[in-house]
Structure formats: C-alpha cells, structure tokens
Amino acid sequence: MYVERERVHIPELIGGKWVNSEELSVRQLRGSVILVDFWDYTCVNCIRTLPYVKEWHRRYSDKGLVIIGVHAPEFFFAKTEENVKRAIKRFEIEYHVVMDNNYEIWHAFANRYWPAKYLADKRGYVRYAHFGEGNYIETEAAIQLLLREIDPNVGLPDLMKPVRDTDIPGISCYRVSPELYFGYKRGSLGNPEGYNQNAVGDYRLPDKIENDTLYVEGKWFSAPEYMKPALDGETGMAGVVLRYTASEVNAVISPDGEKGFKVFVMQDGKYLNPEDAGHDIQFDNEGKSYIVIDEPRMYYLVKNREFGSRLLKLSSNSSAFAIYAFTFVSCMA
C-alpha cells in the first residue's frame, strides 16, 4: 500500500545487534531509499520473499537503495546469533541484517507481521508498505519511483519477472491449513490427554483424527514452544499425526542435544513418492522417506503435485526431536 507523502518518518533502528555490518542509522542514510524487511529465518512466507529482496539488493544497491533485514525471532532458538548467521549464509543474503531479539525495532514500527516491508524515501518518510507475500511488481515499482526522485535520469532495469510460477498474478490459491504450533503457549493438542506442561505425558491416538489438529503418539515432553519425545532409552518410535489441507508442508524442528538423527515422513499411510517429496527429503535403500535433523530451522517435507487434504505422519526414535510448528503453502501453478 502507498502511504501519504511526508506524514510518517521511518523510526530509528535502535536496540538490535547488527550481524553482518556496522550499525546503521536512519539519519546517516538520508539521501538513500531505505527498504526495511522484517523477517524470521524459520518463517516460510519470509523465505519465499527472499529471492526478490536479494535481487532488489543486487539491482539497486549501487543506485541508492539500502536494504535492512530486521530479524525478529518467532522462536527462542532464533535469537542465537550463530543460528542467524548460518541462515544468512544458507540463503546467501548480502544486505544488512540486524537481530531484533527484544522487538524494539518491531515495536517502533508498530509492526504485526512476518514478513513486512517498509519503504522510505530520500528524506526518511515512509512511502510504501506491504505485509505478507506477493505484490512483488508493485514493491519494485515503488523502489524505482523513489530512486527516480533521487536521480530522474537514473538507468533502471525492467521490473523482475516472477521467480516462481505460483507468483504469477491470477494464479490459483486455495484456503490452506493454518500454521500450527506445538508448544502449550500457543498450541492446541487433539489428544484427549492434553498438554502435561513442562512434564512428560503418555499419549495415544484417538479413533478420529480431526482436520488441522495436532496429535502425538508415545511419550512426549511439553514445553512452552515445542514438544519432544521422552523415550529414555526405550526402543520404539514417537509419532506426530496431522490431517492437513495444502499443496506443501514444512516443519520447524530443532535438535535438542543430539544431531544427525532421522525423522521418517509418511503421507496417507505410505512413504513419499519422489515426485511429492520436499527439498529436505531423502530415501533409504528400502524407499523410506526421511529428513535428517542437523540444525534448528524450517524443513521442507512435502511438495505435492496436487492440492488436497492428506494425512501426514512423522516418527522418530530420538528424544532430541524438538518440533515447534507446521507451516503450509496453498498456491498451485
């Protein structure tokens, strides 16, 4: 959305820790166009916008655009500098990133969304804002408009073409399962036993699995942000079951201690077909589909060829399997 001219100054970027650059201030950036992008490295919607933000940096950083990624963590482990730096490297982010662990910058902007983009002109006035995915053409057009206010004769490229077929205007997007959280602070379990807060519970699946509801099977420890198995050296597996509606499924998982363990992934009672497997899926010699948990991040589980409702099951024999959330994608090319 475009903002009325010369009404709101962009807030100062105070309170965060600058990760890959010296500290910047809005005052020292006067004369430049500033794009502030609120993001979290586990947020699927943020991740899907990164190809555009990175390309805008490549195209316009030498023409007066300064991009600042404000990393506002959704989960506790995303406050760790090492994890954020690893994500910056994995996503090949070259623009400035500041860690806003205490949400001081977030509150200064009165922000409420991941991702959120605020664009300020050469005098420091906010001229454009967009929340969520999409509107990439409109956002880049706003960048070019403000760059031309700096230099009317600046040479600028044609606007970017969509990097994914699903970004084409008019593409089919469906009502998708909502983001689902595991921790008792924001989550909701479908098991009759409910959460055993900060303690271990023994769970069994009910006869009926409801849509968009999380279920666990076996012994699980319940924390404010996550759940993890409590197998205590026992043989067997702990499971997660979900009936979802989407085209793609991702999970935010952190290894709590042990790393490199497997989480097996099944859909509708079968292991995944390679054609429906997410980017992080691997297959063993028996054709079983699994992911390897090696760091705290979002893992790509399922990328179905067709949109629909399906039954997903994750299982692991590791008590380090700390699962935080499921996220979903709805658009189909």
Protein backbone atom coordinates (compact mmCIF):
# COMPACT_ATOMS: atom_id res chain seq x y z
CA MET A 1 0.00 0.00 0.00
CA TYR A 2 1.18 3.51 -0.72
CA VAL A 3 1.41 5.90 2.23
CA GLU A 4 0.52 9.58 2.10
CA ARG A 5 3.59 11.68 1.41
CA GLU A 6 5.53 13.38 4.20
CA ARG A 7 3.35 12.17 7.06
CA VAL A 8 5.36 9.45 8.83
CA HIS A 9 9.11 9.34 9.33
CA ILE A 10 10.77 5.92 9.37
CA PRO A 11 11.70 5.08 13.00
CA GLU A 12 15.33 4.81 14.07
CA LEU A 13 16.81 1.31 14.10
CA ILE A 14 17.68 1.20 17.80
CA GLY A 15 18.08 -1.77 20.10
CA GLY A 16 19.22 -4.55 17.78
CA LYS A 17 22.53 -6.28 17.17
CA TRP A 18 23.99 -5.84 13.70
CA VAL A 19 25.15 -9.18 12.37
CA ASN A 20 26.97 -8.64 9.08
CA SER A 21 27.70 -4.92 9.02
CA GLU A 22 28.43 -1.92 11.19
CA GLU A 23 25.45 -0.34 12.92
CA LEU A 24 23.39 1.88 10.63
CA SER A 25 21.05 4.73 11.47
CA VAL A 26 18.22 6.29 9.53
CA ARG A 27 19.88 9.68 9.97
CA GLN A 28 23.12 8.59 8.26
CA LEU A 29 21.09 7.04 5.41
CA ARG A 30 19.32 10.28 4.48
CA GLY A 31 19.58 10.71 0.74
CA SER A 32 19.10 6.99 0.13
CA VAL A 33 15.97 4.91 -0.34
CA ILE A 34 15.58 2.55 2.63
CA LEU A 35 13.77 -0.79 2.50
CA VAL A 36 13.22 -2.38 5.92
CA ASP A 37 12.23 -6.04 5.74
CA PHE A 38 11.01 -7.75 8.92
CA TRP A 39 11.69 -11.48 8.71
CA ASP A 40 12.45 -14.66 10.63
CA TYR A 41 14.63 -17.40 9.19
CA THR A 42 12.11 -20.14 10.06
CA CYS A 43 9.11 -18.33 8.51
CA VAL A 44 8.03 -19.93 5.23
CA ASN A 45 6.42 -16.72 3.95
CA CYS A 46 9.62 -14.77 4.70
CA ILE A 47 11.74 -17.40 2.98
CA ARG A 48 9.57 -17.25 -0.14
CA THR A 49 10.12 -13.47 -0.43
CA LEU A 50 13.92 -13.66 -0.13
CA PRO A 51 14.67 -14.25 -3.85
CA TYR A 52 13.04 -10.91 -4.62
CA VAL A 53 14.67 -8.99 -1.77
CA LYS A 54 18.10 -10.36 -2.69
CA GLU A 55 17.63 -9.43 -6.35
CA TRP A 56 16.49 -5.92 -5.46
CA HIS A 57 19.70 -5.54 -3.47
CA ARG A 58 21.72 -6.75 -6.45
CA ARG A 59 19.92 -4.45 -8.88
CA TYR A 60 19.65 -1.24 -6.89
CA SER A 61 22.27 -1.10 -4.10
CA ASP A 62 24.56 0.96 -6.33
CA LYS A 63 21.70 3.26 -7.35
CA GLY A 64 20.70 4.47 -3.89
CA LEU A 65 18.75 1.59 -2.28
CA VAL A 66 19.74 0.34 1.18
CA ILE A 67 18.02 -2.86 2.36
CA ILE A 68 17.95 -3.72 6.06
CA GLY A 69 16.65 -7.10 7.13
CA VAL A 70 15.28 -6.87 10.67
CA HIS A 71 15.37 -10.41 12.06
CA ALA A 72 12.57 -10.67 14.65
CA PRO A 73 12.67 -14.21 16.08
CA GLU A 74 9.48 -16.23 16.33
CA PHE A 75 11.11 -18.98 18.41
CA PHE A 76 13.68 -18.88 21.21
CA PHE A 77 16.45 -20.65 19.24
CA ALA A 78 16.19 -17.98 16.51
CA LYS A 79 17.63 -15.48 18.99
CA THR A 80 21.02 -17.19 18.76
CA GLU A 81 23.49 -15.25 16.63
CA GLU A 82 25.17 -18.41 15.33
CA ASN A 83 21.84 -19.71 14.00
CA VAL A 84 21.02 -16.41 12.31
CA LYS A 85 24.48 -16.18 10.75
CA ARG A 86 24.12 -19.73 9.46
CA ALA A 87 20.78 -18.82 7.89
CA ILE A 88 22.25 -15.68 6.28
CA LYS A 89 24.95 -17.84 4.71
CA ARG A 90 22.49 -20.55 3.60
CA PHE A 91 20.15 -18.02 1.97
CA GLU A 92 23.10 -16.06 0.51
CA ILE A 93 21.93 -12.75 1.96
CA GLU A 94 24.32 -9.90 1.23
CA TYR A 95 22.36 -6.90 2.52
CA HIS A 96 22.45 -5.62 6.12
CA VAL A 97 20.81 -7.71 8.85
CA VAL A 98 20.08 -6.62 12.41
CA MET A 99 18.86 -9.03 15.11
CA ASP A 100 15.83 -7.55 16.90
CA ASN A 101 15.65 -10.11 19.73
CA ASN A 102 13.82 -7.78 22.11
CA TYR A 103 11.43 -6.49 19.42
CA GLU A 104 12.47 -2.89 19.96
CA ILE A 105 12.57 -2.09 16.24
CA TRP A 106 9.41 -4.15 15.70
CA HIS A 107 7.52 -2.05 18.25
CA ALA A 108 8.98 1.21 16.94
CA PHE A 109 7.36 0.40 13.60
CA ALA A 110 4.18 -0.87 15.32
CA ASN A 111 4.69 -3.94 13.14
CA ARG A 112 2.49 -7.03 13.41
CA TYR A 113 3.55 -9.29 10.53
CA TRP A 114 6.19 -11.66 9.14
CA PRO A 115 7.25 -10.64 6.53
CA ALA A 116 6.63 -6.90 6.42
CA LYS A 117 8.29 -4.36 4.15
CA TYR A 118 8.53 -0.60 4.74
CA LEU A 119 9.97 1.69 2.08
CA ALA A 120 11.24 5.19 2.93
CA ASP A 121 12.23 7.96 0.53
CA LYS A 122 15.42 10.04 0.47
CA ARG A 123 14.05 12.36 3.20
CA GLY A 124 13.21 9.45 5.52
CA TYR A 125 9.44 9.43 5.03
CA VAL A 126 7.64 6.08 4.75
CA ARG A 127 6.05 5.99 1.31
CA TYR A 128 5.07 2.34 0.84
CA ALA A 129 4.40 -0.75 2.95
CA HIS A 130 3.42 -4.33 2.22
CA PHE A 131 2.66 -7.25 4.53
CA GLY A 132 3.00 -10.92 3.68
CA GLU A 133 3.95 -12.49 0.38
CA GLY A 134 3.11 -11.12 -3.06
CA ASN A 135 2.90 -7.64 -4.60
CA TYR A 136 6.46 -8.03 -5.86
CA ILE A 137 5.85 -5.97 -9.01
CA GLU A 138 4.20 -3.17 -7.02
CA THR A 139 7.01 -3.16 -4.46
CA GLU A 140 9.76 -2.98 -7.06
CA ALA A 141 7.85 -0.25 -8.91
CA ALA A 142 7.74 1.74 -5.65
CA ILE A 143 11.51 1.26 -5.25
CA GLN A 144 12.10 2.58 -8.75
CA LEU A 145 9.77 5.55 -8.17
CA LEU A 146 11.73 6.63 -5.10
CA LEU A 147 15.10 6.07 -6.79
CA ARG A 148 14.00 8.37 -9.62
CA GLU A 149 13.22 11.03 -7.01
CA ILE A 150 16.93 10.90 -6.13
CA ASP A 151 18.04 10.98 -9.78
CA PRO A 152 15.41 11.42 -12.52
CA ASN A 153 17.95 10.22 -15.09
CA VAL A 154 19.00 7.03 -13.31
CA GLY A 155 19.07 3.95 -15.52
CA LEU A 156 16.85 1.22 -14.14
CA PRO A 157 16.10 -2.30 -15.43
CA ASP A 158 12.72 -3.71 -16.37
CA LEU A 159 10.71 -4.98 -13.43
CA MET A 160 11.51 -8.55 -12.37
CA LYS A 161 9.60 -11.45 -13.81
CA PRO A 162 8.08 -13.86 -11.25
CA VAL A 163 10.71 -16.26 -9.91
CA ARG A 164 8.04 -18.96 -9.39
CA ASP A 165 5.02 -19.87 -11.45
CA THR A 166 2.98 -19.55 -8.26
CA ASP A 167 3.87 -15.83 -8.08
CA ILE A 168 2.17 -15.01 -11.38
CA PRO A 169 -0.80 -12.69 -10.77
CA GLY A 170 -4.07 -14.60 -11.02
CA ILE A 171 -2.59 -17.96 -10.05
CA SER A 172 -4.89 -20.33 -8.17
CA CYS A 173 -4.53 -20.15 -4.38
CA TYR A 174 -6.72 -22.16 -2.07
CA ARG A 175 -7.78 -21.99 1.55
CA VAL A 176 -4.98 -23.74 3.38
CA SER A 177 -4.47 -25.22 6.83
CA PRO A 178 -3.37 -22.54 9.32
CA GLU A 179 0.08 -22.51 10.86
CA LEU A 180 0.02 -24.99 13.74
CA TYR A 181 2.15 -24.67 16.88
CA PHE A 182 3.24 -27.49 19.21
CA GLY A 183 4.17 -25.71 22.44
CA TYR A 184 1.48 -25.27 25.08
CA LYS A 185 1.91 -21.48 24.98
CA ARG A 186 0.29 -21.16 21.53
CA GLY A 187 -0.60 -24.70 20.52
CA SER A 188 -3.59 -26.97 20.87
CA LEU A 189 -3.41 -30.77 21.03
CA GLY A 190 -6.12 -33.04 19.71
CA ASN A 191 -5.19 -35.84 22.13
CA PRO A 192 -7.71 -36.17 24.98
CA GLU A 193 -4.80 -36.15 27.44
CA GLY A 194 -3.91 -32.58 26.52
CA TYR A 195 -0.61 -30.93 27.44
CA ASN A 196 1.30 -32.03 30.50
CA GLN A 197 3.04 -28.69 30.90
CA ASN A 198 6.80 -28.90 31.47
CA ALA A 199 6.47 -32.63 32.06
CA VAL A 200 6.14 -35.94 30.21
CA GLY A 201 2.82 -37.36 29.09
CA ASP A 202 1.95 -40.74 27.58
CA TYR A 203 -0.24 -40.23 24.50
CA ARG A 204 -2.42 -42.46 22.37
CA LEU A 205 -4.17 -41.52 19.15
CA PRO A 206 -7.95 -41.15 19.33
CA ASP A 207 -10.22 -43.08 16.98
CA LYS A 208 -10.98 -39.95 14.91
CA ILE A 209 -8.32 -37.57 13.54
CA GLU A 210 -9.77 -34.08 13.04
CA ASN A 211 -8.60 -31.70 10.33
CA ASP A 212 -5.94 -29.09 11.15
CA THR A 213 -5.31 -30.57 14.58
CA LEU A 214 -2.04 -31.86 16.03
CA TYR A 215 -1.76 -35.30 17.59
CA VAL A 216 1.21 -37.07 19.18
CA GLU A 217 1.73 -40.74 19.90
CA GLY A 218 4.01 -42.17 22.61
CA LYS A 219 5.76 -40.36 25.44
CA TRP A 220 6.29 -36.63 24.86
CA PHE A 221 7.61 -33.71 26.88
CA SER A 222 5.59 -30.46 26.58
CA ALA A 223 7.45 -27.12 26.65
CA PRO A 224 6.09 -23.60 26.03
CA GLU A 225 7.31 -23.52 22.39
CA TYR A 226 7.77 -27.16 21.42
CA MET A 227 7.18 -30.84 22.16
CA LYS A 228 9.80 -33.60 22.02
CA PRO A 229 9.77 -37.36 22.62
CA ALA A 230 10.76 -38.69 26.03
CA LEU A 231 11.88 -42.18 25.12
CA ASP A 232 14.57 -42.51 27.83
CA GLY A 233 16.47 -45.24 26.00
CA GLU A 234 13.32 -47.19 25.19
CA THR A 235 13.03 -48.90 21.84
CA GLY A 236 10.22 -47.81 19.54
CA MET A 237 9.14 -44.60 17.89
CA ALA A 238 7.32 -41.45 18.89
CA GLY A 239 4.94 -40.07 16.28
CA VAL A 240 3.19 -36.89 15.14
CA VAL A 241 -0.04 -37.12 13.14
CA LEU A 242 -1.81 -34.36 11.25
CA ARG A 243 -4.63 -34.22 8.69
CA TYR A 244 -3.88 -31.10 6.64
CA THR A 245 -5.12 -29.29 3.54
CA ALA A 246 -2.41 -27.71 1.35
CA SER A 247 -0.03 -28.36 -1.52
CA GLU A 248 3.18 -28.10 0.53
CA VAL A 249 4.06 -28.84 4.15
CA ASN A 250 7.05 -27.62 6.15
CA ALA A 251 8.04 -28.15 9.78
CA VAL A 252 10.13 -26.07 12.17
CA ILE A 253 12.36 -28.51 14.07
CA SER A 254 15.37 -28.11 16.35
CA PRO A 255 17.77 -30.81 17.53
CA ASP A 256 17.71 -30.66 21.33
CA GLY A 257 21.16 -32.10 22.03
CA GLU A 258 21.79 -34.91 19.55
CA LYS A 259 22.17 -34.01 15.87
CA GLY A 260 22.00 -36.04 12.68
CA PHE A 261 19.04 -38.21 13.64
CA LYS A 262 16.29 -39.23 11.23
CA VAL A 263 12.61 -38.32 11.20
CA PHE A 264 10.58 -40.54 8.90
CA VAL A 265 7.79 -38.96 6.85
CA MET A 266 4.67 -40.75 5.61
CA GLN A 267 1.60 -39.49 3.79
CA ASP A 268 -1.74 -41.31 3.65
CA GLY A 269 -0.14 -44.37 5.20
CA LYS A 270 2.73 -44.63 2.72
CA TYR A 271 6.23 -43.26 2.40
CA LEU A 272 6.50 -40.32 0.00
CA ASN A 273 6.90 -40.64 -3.74
CA PRO A 274 9.94 -38.73 -5.01
CA GLU A 275 7.57 -36.57 -7.06
CA ASP A 276 5.81 -35.34 -3.89
CA ALA A 277 8.90 -35.03 -1.70
CA GLY A 278 10.04 -31.72 -0.26
CA HIS A 279 13.57 -30.43 -0.73
CA ASP A 280 14.88 -31.92 2.54
CA ILE A 281 13.51 -35.43 1.99
CA GLN A 282 15.94 -38.32 1.49
CA PHE A 283 15.26 -42.01 0.78
CA ASP A 284 16.92 -45.09 2.23
CA ASN A 285 17.58 -48.36 0.41
CA GLU A 286 14.06 -49.55 1.18
CA GLY A 287 12.46 -46.42 -0.26
CA LYS A 288 11.54 -44.98 3.13
CA SER A 289 11.36 -41.18 3.11
CA TYR A 290 13.02 -39.23 5.92
CA ILE A 291 14.74 -35.98 6.87
CA VAL A 292 17.97 -35.57 8.83
CA ILE A 293 17.80 -33.04 11.66
CA ASP A 294 21.16 -31.29 11.80
CA GLU A 295 20.29 -27.72 12.84
CA PRO A 296 17.34 -25.64 14.10
CA ARG A 297 15.42 -24.44 11.04
CA MET A 298 12.42 -24.98 8.80
CA TYR A 299 12.49 -28.32 6.94
CA TYR A 300 10.75 -28.88 3.61
CA LEU A 301 8.70 -32.08 3.96
CA VAL A 302 6.08 -32.36 1.23
CA LYS A 303 5.59 -30.71 -2.15
CA ASN A 304 2.55 -32.41 -3.64
CA ARG A 305 1.77 -32.23 -7.30
CA GLU A 306 -1.87 -31.54 -6.44
CA PHE A 307 -3.62 -29.50 -3.77
CA GLY A 308 -5.73 -31.54 -1.35
CA SER A 309 -6.34 -32.97 2.11
CA ARG A 310 -3.97 -35.68 3.32
CA LEU A 311 -2.84 -37.49 6.45
CA LEU A 312 0.77 -36.80 7.44
CA LYS A 313 2.81 -38.77 9.96
CA LEU A 314 6.29 -38.02 11.32
CA SER A 315 8.09 -40.56 13.50
CA SER A 316 11.47 -40.73 15.20
CA ASN A 317 13.30 -42.76 17.82
CA SER A 318 15.28 -39.73 19.03
CA SER A 319 14.42 -37.77 22.16
CA ALA A 320 16.20 -34.79 20.57
CA PHE A 321 13.34 -34.35 18.05
CA ALA A 322 12.01 -30.96 19.22
CA ILE A 323 9.19 -29.88 16.92
CA TYR A 324 7.83 -26.35 17.01
CA ALA A 325 5.37 -25.80 14.17
CA PHE A 326 3.91 -26.87 10.83
CA THR A 327 3.54 -24.35 8.01
CA PHE A 328 1.74 -24.74 4.68
CA VAL A 329 1.68 -23.43 1.09
CA SER A 330 -1.52 -23.22 -0.92
CA CYS A 331 -0.80 -21.82 -4.38
CA MET A 332 -0.54 -24.11 -7.42
CA ALA A 333 0.86 -23.33 -10.86
